Amino acid sequence: MLDRKISSSIREHGAPTKEEAAGWVAELIAKLQRSKLLDDQAYAIGRVRRLYAEGKSLGRIRQTLAVKGIGKEDADAALERLAAESTTPVSDLPAAAAFARKRKLGPYRGDPTQRAEMRQKDLGALARRGFSQAVAMKVLSADSVAALEEMVHDAD
């Protein structure tokens, strides 16, 4: 995208040359990296924390990072750091439970008859979020919020 902006500016204004502008961009990127203002690893760590707290599946987190241009090594390092910092195991179960809490799915629905009626819809919501059927069924089959929270903490 930056290349298109540079090319457009050169066409409009005539100077500098494309090679000269590319050199300036490379210098600027290097300067930002040295000053830690442009740091893929720091970005990945922050993004992983936020996405996991929002209830995104690990697969969806990896996919989101890849779309943002974060390399596999940086993504893996960010997920490892999340695991090291976390008091609960970093797996899809806690993330699915967080998503269920946020969307009031499964045990977070107050009425048991409504839970039964909405089970397929809840399963679909969890599947669209990237959770496996096994994880989604665990979350939805929890008898209560307390049982789900215990399941999450016992998963280690």
N, C-alpha and C. Protein backbone atom coordinates (compact mmCIF):
# COMPACT_ATOMS: atom_id res chain seq x y z
N MET A 1 0.83 -1.18 0.00
CA MET A 1 0.00 0.00 0.00
C MET A 1 0.88 1.25 0.00
N LEU A 2 1.94 1.22 0.77
CA LEU A 2 2.84 2.36 0.81
C LEU A 2 3.48 2.59 -0.56
N ASP A 3 3.80 1.50 -1.27
CA ASP A 3 4.37 1.63 -2.61
C ASP A 3 3.42 2.36 -3.55
N ARG A 4 2.13 2.06 -3.45
CA ARG A 4 1.15 2.74 -4.30
C ARG A 4 1.09 4.23 -3.97
N LYS A 5 1.12 4.56 -2.69
CA LYS A 5 1.09 5.98 -2.30
C LYS A 5 2.33 6.71 -2.82
N ILE A 6 3.48 6.05 -2.70
CA ILE A 6 4.72 6.66 -3.18
C ILE A 6 4.65 6.86 -4.69
N SER A 7 4.22 5.82 -5.42
CA SER A 7 4.13 5.92 -6.88
C SER A 7 3.16 7.02 -7.28
N SER A 8 2.04 7.12 -6.60
CA SER A 8 1.06 8.15 -6.90
C SER A 8 1.64 9.55 -6.65
N SER A 9 2.36 9.70 -5.55
CA SER A 9 2.97 10.99 -5.22
C SER A 9 4.03 11.37 -6.24
N ILE A 10 4.82 10.38 -6.67
CA ILE A 10 5.86 10.66 -7.66
C ILE A 10 5.22 11.08 -8.98
N ARG A 11 4.14 10.40 -9.39
CA ARG A 11 3.44 10.78 -10.63
C ARG A 11 2.89 12.20 -10.52
N GLU A 12 2.38 12.54 -9.35
CA GLU A 12 1.75 13.85 -9.17
C GLU A 12 2.79 14.97 -9.07
N HIS A 13 3.85 14.73 -8.29
CA HIS A 13 4.81 15.79 -8.01
C HIS A 13 6.09 15.70 -8.84
N GLY A 14 6.39 14.55 -9.40
CA GLY A 14 7.53 14.41 -10.27
C GLY A 14 8.85 14.05 -9.61
N ALA A 15 9.03 14.34 -8.36
CA ALA A 15 10.29 14.04 -7.69
C ALA A 15 9.96 13.56 -6.31
N PRO A 16 10.72 12.82 -5.66
CA PRO A 16 12.00 12.22 -6.02
C PRO A 16 11.79 10.99 -6.90
N THR A 17 12.89 10.32 -7.21
CA THR A 17 12.77 9.09 -7.99
C THR A 17 12.21 8.00 -7.09
N LYS A 18 11.69 6.96 -7.73
CA LYS A 18 11.10 5.87 -6.95
C LYS A 18 12.17 5.18 -6.09
N GLU A 19 13.37 5.03 -6.61
CA GLU A 19 14.46 4.40 -5.86
C GLU A 19 14.85 5.23 -4.64
N GLU A 20 14.90 6.54 -4.82
CA GLU A 20 15.24 7.42 -3.71
C GLU A 20 14.17 7.36 -2.61
N ALA A 21 12.91 7.36 -3.03
CA ALA A 21 11.81 7.28 -2.07
C ALA A 21 11.83 5.94 -1.34
N ALA A 22 12.12 4.85 -2.06
CA ALA A 22 12.20 3.52 -1.44
C ALA A 22 13.31 3.49 -0.40
N GLY A 23 14.42 4.16 -0.67
CA GLY A 23 15.51 4.25 0.30
C GLY A 23 15.08 4.99 1.56
N TRP A 24 14.33 6.06 1.38
CA TRP A 24 13.83 6.81 2.54
C TRP A 24 12.90 5.95 3.39
N VAL A 25 12.04 5.21 2.72
CA VAL A 25 11.10 4.33 3.43
C VAL A 25 11.87 3.28 4.21
N ALA A 26 12.87 2.66 3.58
CA ALA A 26 13.68 1.64 4.26
C ALA A 26 14.38 2.22 5.48
N GLU A 27 14.92 3.43 5.34
CA GLU A 27 15.57 4.11 6.47
C GLU A 27 14.58 4.37 7.60
N LEU A 28 13.40 4.84 7.25
CA LEU A 28 12.39 5.14 8.25
C LEU A 28 11.96 3.87 8.99
N ILE A 29 11.75 2.79 8.25
CA ILE A 29 11.36 1.52 8.88
C ILE A 29 12.45 1.04 9.82
N ALA A 30 13.70 1.12 9.39
CA ALA A 30 14.82 0.69 10.25
C ALA A 30 14.88 1.55 11.52
N LYS A 31 14.69 2.85 11.37
CA LYS A 31 14.72 3.75 12.52
C LYS A 31 13.59 3.42 13.50
N LEU A 32 12.39 3.17 12.98
CA LEU A 32 11.25 2.83 13.84
C LEU A 32 11.47 1.50 14.54
N GLN A 33 12.10 0.55 13.85
CA GLN A 33 12.38 -0.75 14.48
C GLN A 33 13.43 -0.60 15.58
N ARG A 34 14.46 0.20 15.34
CA ARG A 34 15.49 0.41 16.37
C ARG A 34 14.91 1.08 17.61
N SER A 35 13.98 1.98 17.43
CA SER A 35 13.39 2.69 18.57
C SER A 35 12.20 1.92 19.17
N LYS A 36 11.94 0.73 18.65
CA LYS A 36 10.87 -0.16 19.15
C LYS A 36 9.47 0.42 18.92
N LEU A 37 9.34 1.38 18.03
CA LEU A 37 8.02 1.89 17.68
C LEU A 37 7.34 1.00 16.65
N LEU A 38 8.14 0.22 15.94
CA LEU A 38 7.63 -0.76 14.98
C LEU A 38 8.21 -2.10 15.39
N ASP A 39 7.41 -2.89 16.10
CA ASP A 39 7.89 -4.14 16.69
C ASP A 39 6.81 -5.20 16.54
N ASP A 40 7.00 -6.09 15.56
CA ASP A 40 6.00 -7.13 15.30
C ASP A 40 5.76 -8.02 16.50
N GLN A 41 6.81 -8.34 17.23
CA GLN A 41 6.66 -9.24 18.37
C GLN A 41 5.83 -8.59 19.48
N ALA A 42 6.10 -7.34 19.78
CA ALA A 42 5.33 -6.64 20.81
C ALA A 42 3.87 -6.50 20.37
N TYR A 43 3.66 -6.20 19.09
CA TYR A 43 2.30 -6.11 18.57
C TYR A 43 1.59 -7.45 18.70
N ALA A 44 2.29 -8.52 18.34
CA ALA A 44 1.69 -9.87 18.40
C ALA A 44 1.31 -10.23 19.83
N ILE A 45 2.16 -9.92 20.78
CA ILE A 45 1.87 -10.24 22.19
C ILE A 45 0.62 -9.50 22.66
N GLY A 46 0.54 -8.22 22.38
CA GLY A 46 -0.63 -7.44 22.78
C GLY A 46 -1.89 -7.92 22.09
N ARG A 47 -1.78 -8.22 20.82
CA ARG A 47 -2.95 -8.68 20.06
C ARG A 47 -3.43 -10.04 20.56
N VAL A 48 -2.49 -10.95 20.86
CA VAL A 48 -2.85 -12.28 21.36
C VAL A 48 -3.58 -12.15 22.69
N ARG A 49 -3.07 -11.32 23.58
CA ARG A 49 -3.73 -11.13 24.88
C ARG A 49 -5.17 -10.65 24.70
N ARG A 50 -5.34 -9.66 23.85
CA ARG A 50 -6.66 -9.08 23.65
C ARG A 50 -7.62 -10.07 23.00
N LEU A 51 -7.17 -10.74 21.96
CA LEU A 51 -8.04 -11.68 21.26
C LEU A 51 -8.42 -12.86 22.14
N TYR A 52 -7.46 -13.34 22.94
CA TYR A 52 -7.74 -14.47 23.83
C TYR A 52 -8.74 -14.05 24.91
N ALA A 53 -8.57 -12.85 25.44
CA ALA A 53 -9.50 -12.35 26.46
C ALA A 53 -10.90 -12.16 25.89
N GLU A 54 -10.98 -11.85 24.60
CA GLU A 54 -12.28 -11.68 23.94
C GLU A 54 -12.96 -13.02 23.67
N GLY A 55 -12.23 -14.12 23.83
CA GLY A 55 -12.82 -15.43 23.61
C GLY A 55 -12.60 -15.97 22.21
N LYS A 56 -11.51 -15.56 21.56
CA LYS A 56 -11.19 -16.08 20.23
C LYS A 56 -10.46 -17.42 20.39
N SER A 57 -10.70 -18.34 19.47
CA SER A 57 -10.00 -19.63 19.50
C SER A 57 -8.54 -19.42 19.12
N LEU A 58 -7.70 -20.37 19.51
CA LEU A 58 -6.27 -20.25 19.19
C LEU A 58 -6.06 -20.23 17.68
N GLY A 59 -6.83 -21.03 16.96
CA GLY A 59 -6.73 -21.03 15.50
C GLY A 59 -7.11 -19.69 14.91
N ARG A 60 -8.17 -19.09 15.44
CA ARG A 60 -8.60 -17.79 14.95
C ARG A 60 -7.57 -16.72 15.28
N ILE A 61 -6.93 -16.83 16.43
CA ILE A 61 -5.88 -15.88 16.80
C ILE A 61 -4.72 -15.98 15.82
N ARG A 62 -4.28 -17.20 15.52
CA ARG A 62 -3.19 -17.39 14.55
C ARG A 62 -3.57 -16.81 13.19
N GLN A 63 -4.81 -17.05 12.78
CA GLN A 63 -5.28 -16.56 11.49
C GLN A 63 -5.29 -15.03 11.46
N THR A 64 -5.77 -14.41 12.53
CA THR A 64 -5.81 -12.95 12.61
C THR A 64 -4.41 -12.36 12.52
N LEU A 65 -3.46 -12.97 13.23
CA LEU A 65 -2.09 -12.48 13.19
C LEU A 65 -1.50 -12.63 11.79
N ALA A 66 -1.77 -13.75 11.13
CA ALA A 66 -1.25 -13.98 9.78
C ALA A 66 -1.80 -12.94 8.81
N VAL A 67 -3.08 -12.62 8.93
CA VAL A 67 -3.69 -11.61 8.07
C VAL A 67 -3.03 -10.25 8.29
N LYS A 68 -2.63 -9.97 9.52
CA LYS A 68 -1.98 -8.70 9.84
C LYS A 68 -0.50 -8.69 9.46
N GLY A 69 0.00 -9.82 8.90
CA GLY A 69 1.38 -9.86 8.45
C GLY A 69 2.38 -10.31 9.50
N ILE A 70 1.90 -10.87 10.59
CA ILE A 70 2.79 -11.35 11.65
C ILE A 70 3.25 -12.75 11.27
N GLY A 71 4.56 -12.98 11.33
CA GLY A 71 5.13 -14.27 10.97
C GLY A 71 4.79 -15.36 11.99
N LYS A 72 4.93 -16.61 11.54
CA LYS A 72 4.61 -17.75 12.40
C LYS A 72 5.46 -17.76 13.66
N GLU A 73 6.74 -17.40 13.55
CA GLU A 73 7.63 -17.39 14.72
C GLU A 73 7.16 -16.39 15.77
N ASP A 74 6.81 -15.19 15.32
CA ASP A 74 6.33 -14.17 16.26
C ASP A 74 4.99 -14.57 16.88
N ALA A 75 4.13 -15.19 16.07
CA ALA A 75 2.83 -15.65 16.59
C ALA A 75 3.03 -16.75 17.63
N ASP A 76 3.92 -17.70 17.32
CA ASP A 76 4.20 -18.78 18.27
C ASP A 76 4.79 -18.24 19.57
N ALA A 77 5.71 -17.29 19.44
CA ALA A 77 6.34 -16.69 20.62
C ALA A 77 5.30 -15.96 21.47
N ALA A 78 4.38 -15.27 20.83
CA ALA A 78 3.34 -14.54 21.56
C ALA A 78 2.41 -15.51 22.29
N LEU A 79 2.05 -16.61 21.65
CA LEU A 79 1.19 -17.60 22.30
C LEU A 79 1.92 -18.29 23.45
N GLU A 80 3.22 -18.54 23.28
CA GLU A 80 4.02 -19.12 24.37
C GLU A 80 4.09 -18.16 25.55
N ARG A 81 4.25 -16.89 25.27
CA ARG A 81 4.31 -15.90 26.34
C ARG A 81 2.97 -15.81 27.07
N LEU A 82 1.87 -15.88 26.33
CA LEU A 82 0.55 -15.88 26.95
C LEU A 82 0.42 -17.09 27.88
N ALA A 83 0.90 -18.24 27.43
CA ALA A 83 0.83 -19.45 28.25
C ALA A 83 1.66 -19.30 29.51
N ALA A 84 2.83 -18.66 29.40
CA ALA A 84 3.70 -18.47 30.56
C ALA A 84 3.08 -17.51 31.57
N GLU A 85 2.37 -16.51 31.09
CA GLU A 85 1.78 -15.50 31.97
C GLU A 85 0.44 -15.93 32.57
N SER A 86 -0.20 -16.89 31.95
CA SER A 86 -1.56 -17.26 32.33
C SER A 86 -1.59 -18.16 33.56
N THR A 87 -2.59 -17.96 34.40
CA THR A 87 -2.77 -18.82 35.57
C THR A 87 -3.58 -20.06 35.23
N THR A 88 -4.28 -20.02 34.10
CA THR A 88 -5.02 -21.18 33.61
C THR A 88 -4.37 -21.64 32.32
N PRO A 89 -4.60 -22.88 31.92
CA PRO A 89 -3.97 -23.36 30.69
C PRO A 89 -4.49 -22.58 29.48
N VAL A 90 -3.60 -22.31 28.56
CA VAL A 90 -3.99 -21.61 27.34
C VAL A 90 -4.48 -22.66 26.36
N SER A 91 -5.77 -22.76 26.26
CA SER A 91 -6.39 -23.69 25.33
C SER A 91 -7.68 -23.05 24.85
N ASP A 92 -8.38 -23.76 24.00
CA ASP A 92 -9.62 -23.21 23.49
C ASP A 92 -10.74 -23.21 24.52
N LEU A 93 -10.66 -24.06 25.54
CA LEU A 93 -11.75 -24.14 26.52
C LEU A 93 -11.95 -22.82 27.29
N PRO A 94 -10.90 -22.22 27.87
CA PRO A 94 -11.12 -20.94 28.55
C PRO A 94 -11.60 -19.84 27.59
N ALA A 95 -11.08 -19.85 26.38
CA ALA A 95 -11.50 -18.84 25.41
C ALA A 95 -12.96 -19.05 25.02
N ALA A 96 -13.36 -20.31 24.84
CA ALA A 96 -14.76 -20.60 24.51
C ALA A 96 -15.68 -20.22 25.66
N ALA A 97 -15.22 -20.46 26.89
CA ALA A 97 -16.02 -20.07 28.06
C ALA A 97 -16.16 -18.55 28.13
N ALA A 98 -15.08 -17.84 27.82
CA ALA A 98 -15.15 -16.37 27.81
C ALA A 98 -16.12 -15.88 26.74
N PHE A 99 -16.08 -16.51 25.58
CA PHE A 99 -17.00 -16.14 24.50
C PHE A 99 -18.45 -16.44 24.91
N ALA A 100 -18.67 -17.59 25.54
CA ALA A 100 -20.02 -17.96 25.99
C ALA A 100 -20.53 -16.95 27.02
N ARG A 101 -19.66 -16.53 27.93
CA ARG A 101 -20.05 -15.54 28.94
C ARG A 101 -20.42 -14.22 28.26
N LYS A 102 -19.60 -13.81 27.31
CA LYS A 102 -19.81 -12.54 26.63
C LYS A 102 -21.13 -12.54 25.84
N ARG A 103 -21.43 -13.67 25.20
CA ARG A 103 -22.63 -13.76 24.36
C ARG A 103 -23.83 -14.40 25.06
N LYS A 104 -23.64 -14.75 26.34
CA LYS A 104 -24.69 -15.40 27.13
C LYS A 104 -25.18 -16.69 26.47
N LEU A 105 -24.23 -17.57 26.19
CA LEU A 105 -24.53 -18.87 25.59
C LEU A 105 -24.48 -19.96 26.66
N GLY A 106 -25.12 -21.08 26.38
CA GLY A 106 -25.04 -22.24 27.25
C GLY A 106 -25.44 -21.94 28.67
N PRO A 107 -24.57 -22.24 29.64
CA PRO A 107 -24.93 -22.06 31.05
C PRO A 107 -25.18 -20.59 31.44
N TYR A 108 -24.76 -19.67 30.60
CA TYR A 108 -24.99 -18.25 30.89
C TYR A 108 -26.40 -17.81 30.53
N ARG A 109 -27.15 -18.67 29.87
CA ARG A 109 -28.58 -18.41 29.65
C ARG A 109 -29.29 -18.81 30.94
N GLY A 110 -30.09 -17.99 31.46
CA GLY A 110 -30.74 -18.27 32.74
C GLY A 110 -31.75 -19.41 32.71
N ASP A 111 -32.59 -19.43 31.71
CA ASP A 111 -33.71 -20.37 31.64
C ASP A 111 -33.27 -21.69 31.00
N PRO A 112 -33.41 -22.83 31.71
CA PRO A 112 -33.02 -24.13 31.16
C PRO A 112 -33.77 -24.51 29.88
N THR A 113 -35.04 -24.14 29.76
CA THR A 113 -35.77 -24.46 28.53
C THR A 113 -35.23 -23.65 27.36
N GLN A 114 -34.84 -22.42 27.63
CA GLN A 114 -34.26 -21.60 26.58
C GLN A 114 -32.90 -22.16 26.16
N ARG A 115 -32.16 -22.70 27.12
CA ARG A 115 -30.87 -23.32 26.80
C ARG A 115 -31.06 -24.45 25.81
N ALA A 116 -32.05 -25.30 26.07
CA ALA A 116 -32.31 -26.45 25.18
C ALA A 116 -32.74 -25.98 23.79
N GLU A 117 -33.59 -24.97 23.74
CA GLU A 117 -34.08 -24.46 22.46
C GLU A 117 -32.96 -23.81 21.65
N MET A 118 -32.03 -23.18 22.32
CA MET A 118 -30.98 -22.42 21.64
C MET A 118 -29.67 -23.20 21.48
N ARG A 119 -29.65 -24.46 21.85
CA ARG A 119 -28.42 -25.25 21.83
C ARG A 119 -27.76 -25.26 20.45
N GLN A 120 -28.53 -25.52 19.40
CA GLN A 120 -27.96 -25.58 18.05
C GLN A 120 -27.43 -24.21 17.62
N LYS A 121 -28.16 -23.18 17.95
CA LYS A 121 -27.73 -21.82 17.62
C LYS A 121 -26.43 -21.48 18.37
N ASP A 122 -26.37 -21.85 19.64
CA ASP A 122 -25.17 -21.61 20.43
C ASP A 122 -23.99 -22.39 19.87
N LEU A 123 -24.25 -23.63 19.47
CA LEU A 123 -23.20 -24.47 18.89
C LEU A 123 -22.67 -23.83 17.61
N GLY A 124 -23.57 -23.30 16.80
CA GLY A 124 -23.17 -22.62 15.57
C GLY A 124 -22.34 -21.38 15.85
N ALA A 125 -22.73 -20.62 16.87
CA ALA A 125 -21.97 -19.41 17.22
C ALA A 125 -20.55 -19.76 17.63
N LEU A 126 -20.40 -20.81 18.43
CA LEU A 126 -19.07 -21.24 18.86
C LEU A 126 -18.27 -21.77 17.67
N ALA A 127 -18.92 -22.52 16.78
CA ALA A 127 -18.23 -23.06 15.60
C ALA A 127 -17.76 -21.93 14.69
N ARG A 128 -18.60 -20.94 14.48
CA ARG A 128 -18.20 -19.81 13.63
C ARG A 128 -17.04 -19.03 14.23
N ARG A 129 -16.90 -19.10 15.52
CA ARG A 129 -15.81 -18.40 16.20
C ARG A 129 -14.51 -19.21 16.12
N GLY A 130 -14.59 -20.44 15.58
CA GLY A 130 -13.38 -21.23 15.36
C GLY A 130 -13.15 -22.33 16.38
N PHE A 131 -14.12 -22.60 17.24
CA PHE A 131 -13.95 -23.64 18.25
C PHE A 131 -14.38 -24.98 17.69
N SER A 132 -13.69 -26.03 18.09
CA SER A 132 -14.04 -27.38 17.65
C SER A 132 -15.37 -27.79 18.25
N GLN A 133 -15.97 -28.82 17.66
CA GLN A 133 -17.25 -29.30 18.18
C GLN A 133 -17.09 -29.83 19.60
N ALA A 134 -15.97 -30.50 19.87
CA ALA A 134 -15.74 -31.05 21.21
C ALA A 134 -15.69 -29.95 22.26
N VAL A 135 -14.98 -28.88 21.97
CA VAL A 135 -14.88 -27.77 22.93
C VAL A 135 -16.24 -27.09 23.09
N ALA A 136 -16.92 -26.87 21.98
CA ALA A 136 -18.23 -26.23 22.05
C ALA A 136 -19.21 -27.07 22.86
N MET A 137 -19.19 -28.38 22.66
CA MET A 137 -20.10 -29.26 23.40
C MET A 137 -19.77 -29.26 24.90
N LYS A 138 -18.48 -29.19 25.24
CA LYS A 138 -18.10 -29.11 26.65
C LYS A 138 -18.69 -27.87 27.30
N VAL A 139 -18.55 -26.75 26.62
CA VAL A 139 -19.06 -25.48 27.17
C VAL A 139 -20.57 -25.54 27.31
N LEU A 140 -21.24 -25.99 26.27
CA LEU A 140 -22.70 -25.98 26.27
C LEU A 140 -23.31 -27.03 27.19
N SER A 141 -22.56 -28.09 27.47
CA SER A 141 -23.11 -29.15 28.32
C SER A 141 -22.87 -28.90 29.81
N ALA A 142 -22.15 -27.85 30.14
CA ALA A 142 -21.94 -27.53 31.56
C ALA A 142 -23.28 -27.24 32.22
N ASP A 143 -23.49 -27.82 33.40
CA ASP A 143 -24.77 -27.68 34.09
C ASP A 143 -25.01 -26.26 34.61
N SER A 144 -23.92 -25.58 34.96
CA SER A 144 -24.05 -24.24 35.52
C SER A 144 -22.80 -23.44 35.20
N VAL A 145 -22.86 -22.17 35.48
CA VAL A 145 -21.69 -21.31 35.30
C VAL A 145 -20.55 -21.79 36.19
N ALA A 146 -20.86 -22.15 37.43
CA ALA A 146 -19.83 -22.64 38.36
C ALA A 146 -19.19 -23.91 37.84
N ALA A 147 -20.00 -24.81 37.26
CA ALA A 147 -19.46 -26.06 36.72
C ALA A 147 -18.54 -25.77 35.54
N LEU A 148 -18.90 -24.82 34.70
CA LEU A 148 -18.06 -24.46 33.56
C LEU A 148 -16.75 -23.85 34.04
N GLU A 149 -16.81 -22.95 35.01
CA GLU A 149 -15.59 -22.33 35.54
C GLU A 149 -14.69 -23.37 36.18
N GLU A 150 -15.27 -24.33 36.86
CA GLU A 150 -14.47 -25.41 37.46
C GLU A 150 -13.82 -26.25 36.36
N MET A 151 -14.57 -26.52 35.29
CA MET A 151 -14.04 -27.29 34.17
C MET A 151 -12.84 -26.56 33.54
N VAL A 152 -12.96 -25.26 33.42
CA VAL A 152 -11.87 -24.45 32.85
C VAL A 152 -10.64 -24.52 33.73
N HIS A 153 -10.81 -24.39 35.04
CA HIS A 153 -9.67 -24.40 35.96
C HIS A 153 -9.08 -25.79 36.14
N ASP A 154 -9.88 -26.83 35.93
CA ASP A 154 -9.38 -28.20 36.05
C ASP A 154 -8.73 -28.70 34.77
N ALA A 155 -8.78 -27.91 33.70
CA ALA A 155 -8.28 -28.35 32.40
C ALA A 155 -6.76 -28.47 32.36
N ASP A 156 -6.07 -27.96 33.35
CA ASP A 156 -4.61 -28.06 33.34
C ASP A 156 -4.20 -29.41 33.84
